Amino acid sequence: MNPVNWFGKNRAATAAAPTTEAGAKNPLIPERQALNLEKQEGAYLGTSVDKITTLRLEDAPGGKILRVEAVAQTQRAFDVRLIEDPAEAGTLSYTLKAAHPDRAAYGPDRSRKISAAMFLTDQELAGVKTVRVAGTSNALSARP
């Protein structure tokens, strides 16, 4: 038994290059991204969260990462966003908002914890002395 002969003789074949018209679209590349939250249609229905518990600015290459932890009014909050607010010079101000389901479920604080993060570039932080994040009942601030 010779294992070289098990699959028959090898034959070389050349594959023809696919031809497309100029400007033809590739059907494998989607025209729009389904997960792009910035371009979703409709207004954002989030409301301000109850209480901000933690605010951290962590160093990262090219800027800082703003991490926020909070307690929402109800369980199952989703689509958490940091919405920029107008502020005085030298301050970046955000409100932490989250969307809530139609049927509210209440529970202890640990079951209502949510978090959000965003990257702030060095250019965005130039001249900023304070970063502030507000909720419904409190606000926390940090220095970059």
N, C-alpha and C. Protein backbone atom coordinates (compact mmCIF):
# COMPACT_ATOMS: atom_id res chain seq x y z
N MET A 1 0.84 -1.18 0.00
CA MET A 1 0.00 0.00 0.00
C MET A 1 0.88 1.24 0.00
N ASN A 2 0.60 2.11 -0.94
CA ASN A 2 1.37 3.32 -1.06
C ASN A 2 0.42 4.51 -0.81
N PRO A 3 0.62 5.29 0.28
CA PRO A 3 -0.31 6.39 0.59
C PRO A 3 -0.27 7.52 -0.42
N VAL A 4 0.73 7.59 -1.25
CA VAL A 4 0.80 8.64 -2.26
C VAL A 4 -0.27 8.43 -3.32
N ASN A 5 -0.69 7.23 -3.57
CA ASN A 5 -1.66 6.92 -4.62
C ASN A 5 -3.10 6.82 -4.11
N TRP A 6 -3.35 7.07 -2.87
CA TRP A 6 -4.68 6.88 -2.30
C TRP A 6 -5.74 7.76 -2.95
N PHE A 7 -5.44 8.98 -3.29
CA PHE A 7 -6.46 9.91 -3.77
C PHE A 7 -6.38 10.16 -5.27
N GLY A 8 -5.70 9.35 -5.97
CA GLY A 8 -5.61 9.51 -7.41
C GLY A 8 -4.51 10.49 -7.79
N LYS A 9 -4.41 10.73 -9.06
CA LYS A 9 -3.37 11.63 -9.53
C LYS A 9 -3.80 13.08 -9.33
N ASN A 10 -2.82 13.91 -8.95
CA ASN A 10 -3.07 15.34 -8.78
C ASN A 10 -3.10 16.02 -10.13
N ARG A 11 -4.02 16.95 -10.29
CA ARG A 11 -4.09 17.72 -11.51
C ARG A 11 -4.09 19.20 -11.13
N ALA A 12 -3.33 19.96 -11.83
CA ALA A 12 -3.29 21.40 -11.59
C ALA A 12 -4.41 22.06 -12.38
N ALA A 13 -5.14 22.95 -11.72
CA ALA A 13 -6.21 23.67 -12.38
C ALA A 13 -6.07 25.14 -12.02
N THR A 14 -6.39 25.98 -12.95
CA THR A 14 -6.33 27.41 -12.68
C THR A 14 -7.75 27.93 -12.51
N ALA A 15 -7.90 28.84 -11.55
CA ALA A 15 -9.21 29.44 -11.30
C ALA A 15 -9.31 30.73 -12.07
N ALA A 16 -10.42 30.94 -12.70
CA ALA A 16 -10.63 32.17 -13.45
C ALA A 16 -10.97 33.29 -12.49
N ALA A 17 -10.36 34.44 -12.69
CA ALA A 17 -10.63 35.59 -11.84
C ALA A 17 -12.04 36.10 -12.12
N PRO A 18 -12.79 36.42 -11.06
CA PRO A 18 -14.16 36.92 -11.27
C PRO A 18 -14.11 38.29 -11.94
N THR A 19 -15.02 38.48 -12.86
CA THR A 19 -15.10 39.76 -13.55
C THR A 19 -16.33 40.49 -13.07
N THR A 20 -16.17 41.79 -12.79
CA THR A 20 -17.29 42.61 -12.35
C THR A 20 -17.31 43.88 -13.16
N GLU A 21 -18.47 44.46 -13.24
CA GLU A 21 -18.60 45.74 -13.93
C GLU A 21 -17.98 46.83 -13.08
N ALA A 22 -17.58 47.90 -13.72
CA ALA A 22 -17.04 49.04 -12.97
C ALA A 22 -18.16 49.63 -12.13
N GLY A 23 -17.90 49.83 -10.84
CA GLY A 23 -18.90 50.41 -9.94
C GLY A 23 -19.89 49.40 -9.39
N ALA A 24 -19.73 48.11 -9.69
CA ALA A 24 -20.66 47.10 -9.17
C ALA A 24 -20.42 46.92 -7.68
N LYS A 25 -21.48 46.70 -6.93
CA LYS A 25 -21.37 46.53 -5.49
C LYS A 25 -21.18 45.06 -5.16
N ASN A 26 -20.39 44.82 -4.15
CA ASN A 26 -20.16 43.48 -3.66
C ASN A 26 -21.35 43.08 -2.79
N PRO A 27 -22.05 41.99 -3.10
CA PRO A 27 -23.23 41.62 -2.32
C PRO A 27 -22.89 41.12 -0.92
N LEU A 28 -21.62 40.82 -0.67
CA LEU A 28 -21.23 40.33 0.65
C LEU A 28 -20.95 41.45 1.65
N ILE A 29 -20.85 42.69 1.17
CA ILE A 29 -20.59 43.82 2.06
C ILE A 29 -21.91 44.56 2.27
N PRO A 30 -22.37 44.64 3.54
CA PRO A 30 -23.65 45.31 3.78
C PRO A 30 -23.54 46.81 3.49
N GLU A 31 -24.65 47.40 3.05
CA GLU A 31 -24.67 48.82 2.74
C GLU A 31 -24.72 49.67 4.00
N ARG A 32 -25.32 49.17 5.06
CA ARG A 32 -25.34 49.91 6.33
C ARG A 32 -25.09 48.92 7.45
N GLN A 33 -24.59 49.43 8.56
CA GLN A 33 -24.29 48.57 9.69
C GLN A 33 -25.50 48.52 10.60
N ALA A 34 -25.91 47.33 10.98
CA ALA A 34 -27.09 47.16 11.81
C ALA A 34 -26.84 47.53 13.26
N LEU A 35 -25.59 47.45 13.74
CA LEU A 35 -25.31 47.69 15.14
C LEU A 35 -24.80 49.09 15.43
N ASN A 36 -24.82 49.99 14.47
CA ASN A 36 -24.34 51.34 14.70
C ASN A 36 -25.40 52.12 15.45
N LEU A 37 -25.20 52.33 16.77
CA LEU A 37 -26.20 52.98 17.60
C LEU A 37 -26.30 54.47 17.34
N GLU A 38 -25.26 55.08 16.80
CA GLU A 38 -25.27 56.50 16.54
C GLU A 38 -26.26 56.87 15.45
N LYS A 39 -26.51 55.96 14.52
CA LYS A 39 -27.35 56.28 13.38
C LYS A 39 -28.72 55.62 13.46
N GLN A 40 -29.12 55.17 14.64
CA GLN A 40 -30.45 54.58 14.76
C GLN A 40 -31.51 55.63 14.55
N GLU A 41 -32.60 55.22 13.98
CA GLU A 41 -33.68 56.14 13.72
C GLU A 41 -34.51 56.32 14.98
N GLY A 42 -35.10 57.50 15.13
CA GLY A 42 -35.94 57.77 16.28
C GLY A 42 -35.18 58.51 17.37
N ALA A 43 -35.93 59.11 18.26
CA ALA A 43 -35.34 59.87 19.35
C ALA A 43 -34.93 58.95 20.49
N TYR A 44 -33.92 59.37 21.21
CA TYR A 44 -33.45 58.60 22.37
C TYR A 44 -34.43 58.81 23.52
N LEU A 45 -34.92 57.73 24.11
CA LEU A 45 -35.96 57.80 25.12
C LEU A 45 -35.42 57.60 26.54
N GLY A 46 -34.12 57.76 26.74
CA GLY A 46 -33.54 57.55 28.05
C GLY A 46 -33.87 58.68 29.02
N THR A 47 -33.88 58.33 30.30
CA THR A 47 -34.07 59.32 31.36
C THR A 47 -32.88 59.29 32.28
N SER A 48 -32.69 60.36 33.02
CA SER A 48 -31.55 60.48 33.92
C SER A 48 -31.60 59.38 34.98
N VAL A 49 -30.43 58.79 35.29
CA VAL A 49 -30.38 57.71 36.28
C VAL A 49 -30.50 58.30 37.69
N ASP A 50 -30.80 57.46 38.65
CA ASP A 50 -31.08 57.91 40.01
C ASP A 50 -29.85 58.48 40.72
N LYS A 51 -28.77 57.68 40.82
CA LYS A 51 -27.64 58.10 41.64
C LYS A 51 -26.33 57.65 41.01
N ILE A 52 -25.37 58.57 40.89
CA ILE A 52 -24.03 58.24 40.41
C ILE A 52 -23.23 57.74 41.61
N THR A 53 -22.64 56.55 41.50
CA THR A 53 -21.89 56.00 42.63
C THR A 53 -20.38 56.09 42.45
N THR A 54 -19.89 55.98 41.22
CA THR A 54 -18.44 55.99 40.97
C THR A 54 -18.15 56.76 39.70
N LEU A 55 -17.11 57.58 39.75
CA LEU A 55 -16.63 58.30 38.58
C LEU A 55 -15.11 58.19 38.56
N ARG A 56 -14.56 57.64 37.48
CA ARG A 56 -13.11 57.47 37.36
C ARG A 56 -12.64 57.95 36.00
N LEU A 57 -11.49 58.59 35.98
CA LEU A 57 -10.79 58.95 34.75
C LEU A 57 -9.51 58.13 34.72
N GLU A 58 -9.42 57.21 33.79
CA GLU A 58 -8.27 56.31 33.70
C GLU A 58 -7.41 56.68 32.50
N ASP A 59 -6.10 56.66 32.71
CA ASP A 59 -5.17 56.98 31.62
C ASP A 59 -5.27 55.94 30.50
N ALA A 60 -5.17 56.43 29.28
CA ALA A 60 -5.16 55.57 28.10
C ALA A 60 -4.30 56.26 27.05
N PRO A 61 -3.74 55.53 26.11
CA PRO A 61 -2.95 56.18 25.06
C PRO A 61 -3.80 57.17 24.26
N GLY A 62 -3.37 58.41 24.22
CA GLY A 62 -4.07 59.42 23.45
C GLY A 62 -5.20 60.11 24.18
N GLY A 63 -5.39 59.84 25.47
CA GLY A 63 -6.47 60.49 26.21
C GLY A 63 -6.76 59.79 27.52
N LYS A 64 -8.02 59.80 27.90
CA LYS A 64 -8.46 59.16 29.15
C LYS A 64 -9.79 58.46 28.91
N ILE A 65 -10.05 57.44 29.72
CA ILE A 65 -11.32 56.74 29.68
C ILE A 65 -12.14 57.19 30.87
N LEU A 66 -13.34 57.70 30.60
CA LEU A 66 -14.26 58.12 31.63
C LEU A 66 -15.18 56.95 31.94
N ARG A 67 -15.09 56.41 33.16
CA ARG A 67 -15.93 55.28 33.59
C ARG A 67 -16.88 55.75 34.68
N VAL A 68 -18.14 55.42 34.52
CA VAL A 68 -19.17 55.84 35.46
C VAL A 68 -20.00 54.63 35.85
N GLU A 69 -20.24 54.50 37.15
CA GLU A 69 -21.15 53.48 37.67
C GLU A 69 -22.27 54.20 38.40
N ALA A 70 -23.47 53.66 38.30
CA ALA A 70 -24.63 54.32 38.89
C ALA A 70 -25.68 53.30 39.28
N VAL A 71 -26.72 53.80 39.94
CA VAL A 71 -27.87 52.98 40.31
C VAL A 71 -29.08 53.57 39.58
N ALA A 72 -29.74 52.74 38.78
CA ALA A 72 -30.92 53.18 38.03
C ALA A 72 -32.16 53.14 38.92
N GLN A 73 -33.23 53.79 38.45
CA GLN A 73 -34.48 53.80 39.22
C GLN A 73 -35.12 52.42 39.26
N THR A 74 -35.01 51.67 38.16
CA THR A 74 -35.63 50.35 38.09
C THR A 74 -34.62 49.33 37.57
N GLN A 75 -34.98 48.07 37.69
CA GLN A 75 -34.15 47.00 37.14
C GLN A 75 -34.29 46.97 35.62
N ARG A 76 -33.36 46.31 34.97
CA ARG A 76 -33.36 46.08 33.52
C ARG A 76 -33.20 47.35 32.70
N ALA A 77 -32.50 48.34 33.24
CA ALA A 77 -32.21 49.54 32.45
C ALA A 77 -31.25 49.13 31.33
N PHE A 78 -31.39 49.77 30.16
CA PHE A 78 -30.55 49.42 29.01
C PHE A 78 -30.25 50.68 28.22
N ASP A 79 -29.42 50.55 27.21
CA ASP A 79 -29.02 51.65 26.33
C ASP A 79 -28.54 52.85 27.16
N VAL A 80 -27.53 52.61 27.99
CA VAL A 80 -26.99 53.63 28.88
C VAL A 80 -26.06 54.54 28.07
N ARG A 81 -26.24 55.87 28.23
CA ARG A 81 -25.44 56.83 27.47
C ARG A 81 -25.03 58.00 28.36
N LEU A 82 -23.85 58.54 28.05
CA LEU A 82 -23.40 59.79 28.64
C LEU A 82 -23.74 60.89 27.65
N ILE A 83 -24.66 61.77 28.02
CA ILE A 83 -25.11 62.84 27.15
C ILE A 83 -24.42 64.13 27.59
N GLU A 84 -23.74 64.79 26.65
CA GLU A 84 -23.02 66.01 26.99
C GLU A 84 -23.98 67.16 27.23
N ASP A 85 -23.73 67.91 28.29
CA ASP A 85 -24.53 69.08 28.65
C ASP A 85 -23.71 70.34 28.40
N PRO A 86 -24.37 71.45 28.13
CA PRO A 86 -23.62 72.70 28.05
C PRO A 86 -23.07 73.05 29.43
N ALA A 87 -21.83 73.52 29.45
CA ALA A 87 -21.20 73.83 30.72
C ALA A 87 -20.32 75.06 30.57
N GLU A 88 -19.87 75.56 31.69
CA GLU A 88 -18.99 76.73 31.68
C GLU A 88 -17.61 76.33 31.16
N ALA A 89 -16.82 77.31 30.81
CA ALA A 89 -15.48 77.06 30.28
C ALA A 89 -14.64 76.31 31.30
N GLY A 90 -13.87 75.34 30.84
CA GLY A 90 -13.01 74.56 31.72
C GLY A 90 -13.70 73.36 32.35
N THR A 91 -14.94 73.11 31.99
CA THR A 91 -15.69 71.99 32.56
C THR A 91 -16.35 71.20 31.44
N LEU A 92 -16.21 69.88 31.49
CA LEU A 92 -16.98 68.98 30.63
C LEU A 92 -18.08 68.41 31.50
N SER A 93 -19.31 68.58 31.09
CA SER A 93 -20.44 68.14 31.90
C SER A 93 -21.28 67.14 31.12
N TYR A 94 -21.64 66.04 31.77
CA TYR A 94 -22.44 64.98 31.16
C TYR A 94 -23.58 64.61 32.10
N THR A 95 -24.66 64.10 31.52
CA THR A 95 -25.74 63.49 32.29
C THR A 95 -25.80 62.03 31.88
N LEU A 96 -25.85 61.14 32.87
CA LEU A 96 -25.94 59.71 32.59
C LEU A 96 -27.41 59.35 32.46
N LYS A 97 -27.78 58.83 31.28
CA LYS A 97 -29.17 58.47 31.02
C LYS A 97 -29.27 57.01 30.61
N ALA A 98 -30.43 56.43 30.87
CA ALA A 98 -30.68 55.03 30.49
C ALA A 98 -32.14 54.89 30.11
N ALA A 99 -32.39 53.98 29.18
CA ALA A 99 -33.76 53.66 28.80
C ALA A 99 -34.26 52.56 29.75
N HIS A 100 -35.55 52.59 30.01
CA HIS A 100 -36.15 51.62 30.93
C HIS A 100 -37.27 50.86 30.22
N PRO A 101 -37.48 49.59 30.58
CA PRO A 101 -38.56 48.82 29.95
C PRO A 101 -39.93 49.36 30.36
N ASP A 102 -40.94 48.97 29.63
CA ASP A 102 -42.30 49.44 29.91
C ASP A 102 -42.79 48.99 31.29
N ARG A 103 -42.50 47.75 31.64
CA ARG A 103 -42.93 47.23 32.93
C ARG A 103 -41.78 47.40 33.92
N ALA A 104 -41.97 48.26 34.90
CA ALA A 104 -40.92 48.55 35.87
C ALA A 104 -40.82 47.42 36.90
N ALA A 105 -39.58 47.08 37.22
CA ALA A 105 -39.31 46.09 38.27
C ALA A 105 -38.35 46.74 39.26
N TYR A 106 -38.70 46.71 40.51
CA TYR A 106 -37.88 47.33 41.54
C TYR A 106 -37.17 46.27 42.34
N GLY A 107 -36.04 46.64 42.91
CA GLY A 107 -35.27 45.70 43.70
C GLY A 107 -34.16 46.44 44.43
N PRO A 108 -33.28 45.69 45.08
CA PRO A 108 -32.19 46.33 45.82
C PRO A 108 -31.21 47.03 44.87
N ASP A 109 -30.39 47.91 45.44
CA ASP A 109 -29.43 48.67 44.65
C ASP A 109 -28.52 47.79 43.80
N ARG A 110 -28.08 46.67 44.34
CA ARG A 110 -27.13 45.83 43.59
C ARG A 110 -27.75 45.24 42.33
N SER A 111 -29.07 45.14 42.28
CA SER A 111 -29.72 44.62 41.06
C SER A 111 -30.04 45.73 40.06
N ARG A 112 -29.78 46.98 40.43
CA ARG A 112 -30.08 48.10 39.55
C ARG A 112 -28.80 48.82 39.10
N LYS A 113 -27.63 48.22 39.35
CA LYS A 113 -26.37 48.85 38.97
C LYS A 113 -26.20 48.86 37.46
N ILE A 114 -25.71 49.99 36.96
CA ILE A 114 -25.40 50.11 35.55
C ILE A 114 -24.05 50.82 35.42
N SER A 115 -23.44 50.72 34.26
CA SER A 115 -22.16 51.40 34.04
C SER A 115 -22.07 51.86 32.59
N ALA A 116 -21.24 52.87 32.40
CA ALA A 116 -21.00 53.40 31.07
C ALA A 116 -19.57 53.92 31.02
N ALA A 117 -19.01 53.97 29.83
CA ALA A 117 -17.65 54.47 29.65
C ALA A 117 -17.56 55.16 28.30
N MET A 118 -16.64 56.10 28.21
CA MET A 118 -16.37 56.76 26.94
C MET A 118 -14.92 57.22 26.94
N PHE A 119 -14.36 57.33 25.74
CA PHE A 119 -12.99 57.77 25.57
C PHE A 119 -12.98 59.26 25.29
N LEU A 120 -12.15 59.97 26.05
CA LEU A 120 -11.96 61.41 25.84
C LEU A 120 -10.53 61.61 25.34
N THR A 121 -10.38 62.24 24.19
CA THR A 121 -9.06 62.44 23.62
C THR A 121 -8.34 63.57 24.35
N ASP A 122 -7.02 63.62 24.17
CA ASP A 122 -6.23 64.70 24.75
C ASP A 122 -6.70 66.06 24.23
N GLN A 123 -7.14 66.11 22.97
CA GLN A 123 -7.63 67.36 22.39
C GLN A 123 -8.93 67.81 23.08
N GLU A 124 -9.81 66.86 23.38
CA GLU A 124 -11.05 67.21 24.07
C GLU A 124 -10.79 67.67 25.50
N LEU A 125 -9.73 67.14 26.12
CA LEU A 125 -9.42 67.47 27.50
C LEU A 125 -8.53 68.70 27.63
N ALA A 126 -8.05 69.24 26.51
CA ALA A 126 -7.18 70.42 26.57
C ALA A 126 -7.97 71.59 27.15
N GLY A 127 -7.46 72.19 28.20
CA GLY A 127 -8.12 73.32 28.85
C GLY A 127 -9.23 72.94 29.81
N VAL A 128 -9.48 71.64 29.99
CA VAL A 128 -10.54 71.18 30.90
C VAL A 128 -9.95 70.97 32.28
N LYS A 129 -10.59 71.57 33.28
CA LYS A 129 -10.13 71.42 34.67
C LYS A 129 -10.99 70.43 35.44
N THR A 130 -12.25 70.24 35.01
CA THR A 130 -13.16 69.36 35.74
C THR A 130 -14.05 68.61 34.75
N VAL A 131 -14.26 67.32 35.03
CA VAL A 131 -15.23 66.51 34.30
C VAL A 131 -16.33 66.16 35.30
N ARG A 132 -17.58 66.49 34.95
CA ARG A 132 -18.70 66.32 35.87
C ARG A 132 -19.74 65.41 35.23
N VAL A 133 -20.27 64.46 36.01
CA VAL A 133 -21.35 63.58 35.55
C VAL A 133 -22.49 63.68 36.56
N ALA A 134 -23.69 63.94 36.05
CA ALA A 134 -24.85 64.15 36.93
C ALA A 134 -25.88 63.05 36.74
N GLY A 135 -26.56 62.77 37.83
CA GLY A 135 -27.72 61.89 37.82
C GLY A 135 -28.91 62.70 38.33
N THR A 136 -29.98 62.03 38.72
CA THR A 136 -31.15 62.74 39.23
C THR A 136 -30.90 63.31 40.62
N SER A 137 -30.28 62.53 41.49
CA SER A 137 -30.14 62.96 42.89
C SER A 137 -28.76 63.48 43.26
N ASN A 138 -27.74 63.25 42.42
CA ASN A 138 -26.40 63.74 42.76
C ASN A 138 -25.56 63.91 41.51
N ALA A 139 -24.36 64.44 41.70
CA ALA A 139 -23.39 64.59 40.63
C ALA A 139 -22.00 64.38 41.22
N LEU A 140 -21.11 63.79 40.44
CA LEU A 140 -19.72 63.59 40.85
C LEU A 140 -18.82 64.27 39.84
N SER A 141 -17.65 64.71 40.29
CA SER A 141 -16.71 65.35 39.38
C SER A 141 -15.31 64.81 39.65
N ALA A 142 -14.47 64.94 38.63
CA ALA A 142 -13.07 64.49 38.71
C ALA A 142 -12.22 65.46 37.93
N ARG A 143 -10.93 65.50 38.28
CA ARG A 143 -9.98 66.34 37.56
C ARG A 143 -9.12 65.45 36.67
N PRO A 144 -8.99 65.86 35.40
CA PRO A 144 -8.18 65.03 34.49
C PRO A 144 -6.71 65.07 34.76
